[in-house]
Amino acid sequence: MRTRKLLRILAVGSVLAAAPAWAQFRANSFNVSGWAGANIRDIATEIEDQVPGLDWTAGVSLNLAVEYVTPFPWVGIEVTGSFTPVDVDTPTVRDYQFNSWYFAGNAVLHILPGEKVVPYVTAGAGIVVFDPDRGDSQTKFVFNAGGGVDIFVWRSRNERTGLAIRLDGRFYGYKFEASDFDTVTVRDLSLPGRFDETLWDFTITGGLRVTF
């Protein structure tokens, strides 16, 4: 009797072990992500150190991305868009909006793409657009790199659609020169006329990813 039970347990175990694992990131598939969080602006620290009474406050960073998973499921190509509202108070101006838009194309390396918890690293390049209250907007080349993890919490019956919690952190690097902006913008923001720095913004965010 015990022998029969043992054989049954071994049989069930062998079937489960032989069952193919569901691929969280399938070859030649797409996924969409939406996530939000904090954008720690390097420019705020740099300028506040030089201009007494200046206060830069970044709001919630909003992000949207579409990724194509290549025939190799551990490699993806992702297009991202991000918006960060920024409120600036100077000694003479209050509630001045100096918002930022980031657009980038990235390569993504999914580590262990068939597991329920999938770490990843990413790097790419694109543009950042600075949109001041007064004066023309300015567009800069931006490089970004970072990583994160996807924690899959649901899948459809046909195993083609999945839902994951996405946690992400990355750096954005760009060149910021006061001389590129209109005189009215420089004056409104109390920017030092010769301000010319390579800056690094850091975002730490969380949200959802849908695979299909």
Protein backbone atom coordinates (compact mmCIF):
# COMPACT_ATOMS: atom_id res chain seq x y z
CA MET A 1 0.00 0.00 0.00
CA ARG A 2 2.74 2.40 0.97
CA THR A 3 4.63 1.39 -2.16
CA ARG A 4 1.62 2.34 -4.33
CA LYS A 5 1.30 5.73 -2.65
CA LEU A 6 4.97 6.38 -3.14
CA LEU A 7 4.76 5.43 -6.80
CA ARG A 8 1.79 7.78 -7.27
CA ILE A 9 3.65 10.66 -5.62
CA LEU A 10 6.69 10.01 -7.79
CA ALA A 11 4.51 9.85 -10.91
CA VAL A 12 2.80 13.18 -10.15
CA GLY A 13 6.15 14.77 -9.33
CA SER A 14 7.67 13.57 -12.58
CA VAL A 15 4.77 15.03 -14.58
CA LEU A 16 5.07 18.41 -12.84
CA ALA A 17 8.80 18.44 -13.32
CA ALA A 18 8.43 17.64 -17.01
CA ALA A 19 5.82 20.36 -17.57
CA PRO A 20 7.31 23.27 -19.52
CA ALA A 21 7.74 26.52 -17.56
CA TRP A 22 5.62 29.42 -18.75
CA ALA A 23 7.83 32.01 -20.43
CA GLN A 24 7.18 35.38 -18.81
CA PHE A 25 8.90 37.07 -21.76
CA ARG A 26 8.08 35.20 -24.97
CA ALA A 27 10.08 35.53 -28.18
CA ASN A 28 8.57 37.93 -30.76
CA SER A 29 6.07 39.41 -28.30
CA PHE A 30 5.20 42.86 -27.01
CA ASN A 31 4.58 44.37 -23.60
CA VAL A 32 3.41 47.73 -22.27
CA SER A 33 4.46 49.35 -18.98
CA GLY A 34 3.18 52.27 -16.96
CA TRP A 35 4.98 53.39 -13.82
CA ALA A 36 5.52 56.42 -11.60
CA GLY A 37 7.82 57.63 -8.85
CA ALA A 38 10.49 60.11 -7.87
CA ASN A 39 12.88 62.02 -10.12
CA ILE A 40 15.87 63.25 -8.12
CA ARG A 41 17.12 66.19 -10.17
CA ASP A 42 20.86 66.87 -10.21
CA ILE A 43 20.19 70.32 -11.64
CA ALA A 44 18.31 71.29 -8.48
CA THR A 45 21.32 70.57 -6.28
CA GLU A 46 23.81 72.24 -8.61
CA ILE A 47 21.86 75.47 -9.07
CA GLU A 48 20.60 75.76 -5.48
CA ASP A 49 24.22 75.61 -4.35
CA GLN A 50 25.01 78.63 -6.51
CA VAL A 51 21.87 80.75 -6.07
CA PRO A 52 20.65 81.48 -2.50
CA GLY A 53 16.89 81.38 -2.10
CA LEU A 54 16.31 79.11 -5.12
CA ASP A 55 14.09 76.06 -4.61
CA TRP A 56 13.49 73.37 -7.27
CA THR A 57 10.73 70.86 -6.47
CA ALA A 58 10.10 67.93 -8.83
CA GLY A 59 6.68 66.32 -8.87
CA VAL A 60 5.80 62.69 -9.57
CA SER A 61 7.60 61.27 -12.61
CA LEU A 62 5.14 59.56 -15.02
CA ASN A 63 6.46 56.92 -17.43
CA LEU A 64 5.11 54.85 -20.32
CA ALA A 65 6.96 52.24 -22.37
CA VAL A 66 6.41 49.75 -25.17
CA GLU A 67 8.84 46.87 -25.59
CA TYR A 68 9.40 44.35 -28.36
CA VAL A 69 10.91 41.07 -27.19
CA THR A 70 13.23 39.77 -29.92
CA PRO A 71 13.50 36.13 -31.09
CA PHE A 72 15.87 35.80 -28.14
CA PRO A 73 13.53 36.25 -25.12
CA TRP A 74 16.24 37.64 -22.87
CA VAL A 75 16.75 40.61 -25.24
CA GLY A 76 14.23 43.40 -25.77
CA ILE A 77 14.01 46.79 -27.51
CA GLU A 78 12.04 49.38 -25.54
CA VAL A 79 10.75 52.86 -26.39
CA THR A 80 10.05 55.03 -23.35
CA GLY A 81 8.47 58.38 -22.64
CA SER A 82 8.63 60.18 -19.29
CA PHE A 83 7.24 63.43 -17.90
CA THR A 84 8.38 65.20 -14.73
CA PRO A 85 6.69 68.43 -13.61
CA VAL A 86 9.04 70.86 -11.84
CA ASP A 87 8.02 73.82 -9.69
CA VAL A 88 10.67 76.51 -9.15
CA ASP A 89 10.65 79.26 -6.54
CA THR A 90 13.24 82.03 -6.88
CA PRO A 91 13.77 85.18 -4.80
CA THR A 92 11.54 87.05 -7.28
CA VAL A 93 9.31 84.39 -8.96
CA ARG A 94 6.99 81.82 -7.38
CA ASP A 95 5.42 78.64 -8.84
CA TYR A 96 7.43 78.81 -12.06
CA GLN A 97 7.00 75.66 -14.17
CA PHE A 98 10.13 74.15 -15.72
CA ASN A 99 8.87 70.73 -16.84
CA SER A 100 10.92 67.94 -18.43
CA TRP A 101 10.03 65.36 -21.09
CA TYR A 102 12.32 62.37 -21.71
CA PHE A 103 12.09 60.19 -24.84
CA ALA A 104 14.49 57.28 -25.35
CA GLY A 105 15.13 53.99 -27.11
CA ASN A 106 16.73 51.29 -24.98
CA ALA A 107 18.15 47.80 -25.21
CA VAL A 108 16.90 45.58 -22.38
CA LEU A 109 18.52 42.40 -21.07
CA HIS A 110 16.05 40.18 -19.20
CA ILE A 111 17.87 37.93 -16.76
CA LEU A 112 16.06 34.57 -16.34
CA PRO A 113 13.16 35.53 -18.70
CA GLY A 114 11.21 32.35 -17.89
CA GLU A 115 11.00 32.90 -14.13
CA LYS A 116 8.29 34.66 -12.15
CA VAL A 117 10.83 37.17 -10.82
CA VAL A 118 12.83 38.61 -13.72
CA PRO A 119 15.65 41.10 -13.06
CA TYR A 120 16.75 43.27 -15.97
CA VAL A 121 19.34 45.83 -16.99
CA THR A 122 18.83 48.52 -19.62
CA ALA A 123 20.69 51.28 -21.43
CA GLY A 124 19.91 53.65 -24.27
CA ALA A 125 19.78 57.20 -25.56
CA GLY A 126 17.31 59.82 -26.69
CA ILE A 127 16.33 63.40 -25.94
CA VAL A 128 15.17 65.47 -22.99
CA VAL A 129 12.98 68.51 -23.63
CA PHE A 130 12.95 71.35 -21.08
CA ASP A 131 9.72 73.35 -21.21
CA PRO A 132 9.88 76.67 -19.29
CA ASP A 133 6.93 78.91 -18.43
CA ARG A 134 8.44 81.70 -20.54
CA GLY A 135 10.84 81.41 -23.45
CA ASP A 136 11.40 78.64 -25.97
CA SER A 137 11.81 75.01 -24.94
CA GLN A 138 15.21 73.39 -25.39
CA THR A 139 16.05 69.86 -26.50
CA LYS A 140 19.17 68.01 -25.33
CA PHE A 141 20.71 64.64 -26.08
CA VAL A 142 20.31 62.30 -23.10
CA PHE A 143 21.90 58.97 -22.18
CA ASN A 144 20.24 56.65 -19.69
CA ALA A 145 21.14 53.40 -17.94
CA GLY A 146 19.70 51.40 -15.08
CA GLY A 147 17.85 48.27 -14.16
CA GLY A 148 15.01 46.79 -12.21
CA VAL A 149 12.87 43.73 -11.63
CA ASP A 150 9.54 42.37 -12.87
CA ILE A 151 7.48 40.30 -10.43
CA PHE A 152 4.80 38.39 -12.33
CA VAL A 153 1.55 38.03 -10.39
CA TRP A 154 -0.96 36.82 -12.98
CA ARG A 155 -1.24 35.05 -16.32
CA SER A 156 -4.18 34.26 -18.60
CA ARG A 157 -5.48 30.74 -19.20
CA ASN A 158 -3.94 30.61 -22.65
CA GLU A 159 -0.65 31.70 -21.06
CA ARG A 160 -0.18 34.51 -23.57
CA THR A 161 -1.07 37.51 -21.39
CA GLY A 162 0.65 38.28 -18.11
CA LEU A 163 0.71 40.99 -15.47
CA ALA A 164 3.80 41.98 -13.50
CA ILE A 165 4.76 44.53 -10.89
CA ARG A 166 7.66 46.53 -12.33
CA LEU A 167 10.27 48.27 -10.18
CA ASP A 168 12.79 50.47 -12.02
CA GLY A 169 15.73 52.73 -11.28
CA ARG A 170 17.86 54.59 -13.81
CA PHE A 171 20.16 57.55 -14.43
CA TYR A 172 19.69 60.18 -17.15
CA GLY A 173 22.78 62.13 -18.17
CA TYR A 174 22.79 65.30 -20.26
CA LYS A 175 24.56 68.63 -20.82
CA PHE A 176 22.83 71.72 -19.44
CA GLU A 177 23.99 75.18 -20.57
CA ALA A 178 22.25 78.39 -19.46
CA SER A 179 23.39 80.11 -22.67
CA ASP A 180 21.07 77.82 -24.72
CA PHE A 181 17.95 79.32 -23.12
CA ASP A 182 16.22 82.62 -23.88
CA THR A 183 17.23 85.59 -21.78
CA VAL A 184 13.78 85.73 -20.16
CA THR A 185 14.11 82.10 -19.03
CA VAL A 186 17.57 82.65 -17.58
CA ARG A 187 16.32 85.71 -15.72
CA ASP A 188 13.14 84.03 -14.43
CA LEU A 189 15.12 81.05 -13.07
CA SER A 190 17.99 83.16 -11.71
CA LEU A 191 20.39 80.94 -13.64
CA PRO A 192 24.06 81.88 -13.46
CA GLY A 193 24.91 83.16 -16.95
CA ARG A 194 27.88 80.81 -17.30
CA PHE A 195 26.17 77.75 -15.88
CA ASP A 196 27.47 74.82 -17.97
CA GLU A 197 27.31 71.38 -16.37
CA THR A 198 26.90 67.70 -17.20
CA LEU A 199 23.99 66.63 -14.99
CA TRP A 200 22.62 63.28 -13.85
CA ASP A 201 18.99 62.81 -12.88
CA PHE A 202 18.02 59.64 -11.02
CA THR A 203 14.54 58.12 -11.16
CA ILE A 204 13.20 55.43 -8.87
CA THR A 205 9.76 54.22 -9.88
CA GLY A 206 7.21 51.41 -9.67
CA GLY A 207 4.20 50.31 -11.68
CA LEU A 208 2.75 47.56 -13.87
CA ARG A 209 3.82 45.67 -16.99
CA VAL A 210 1.37 43.81 -19.25
CA THR A 211 2.77 41.17 -21.63
CA PHE A 212 0.83 39.89 -24.63
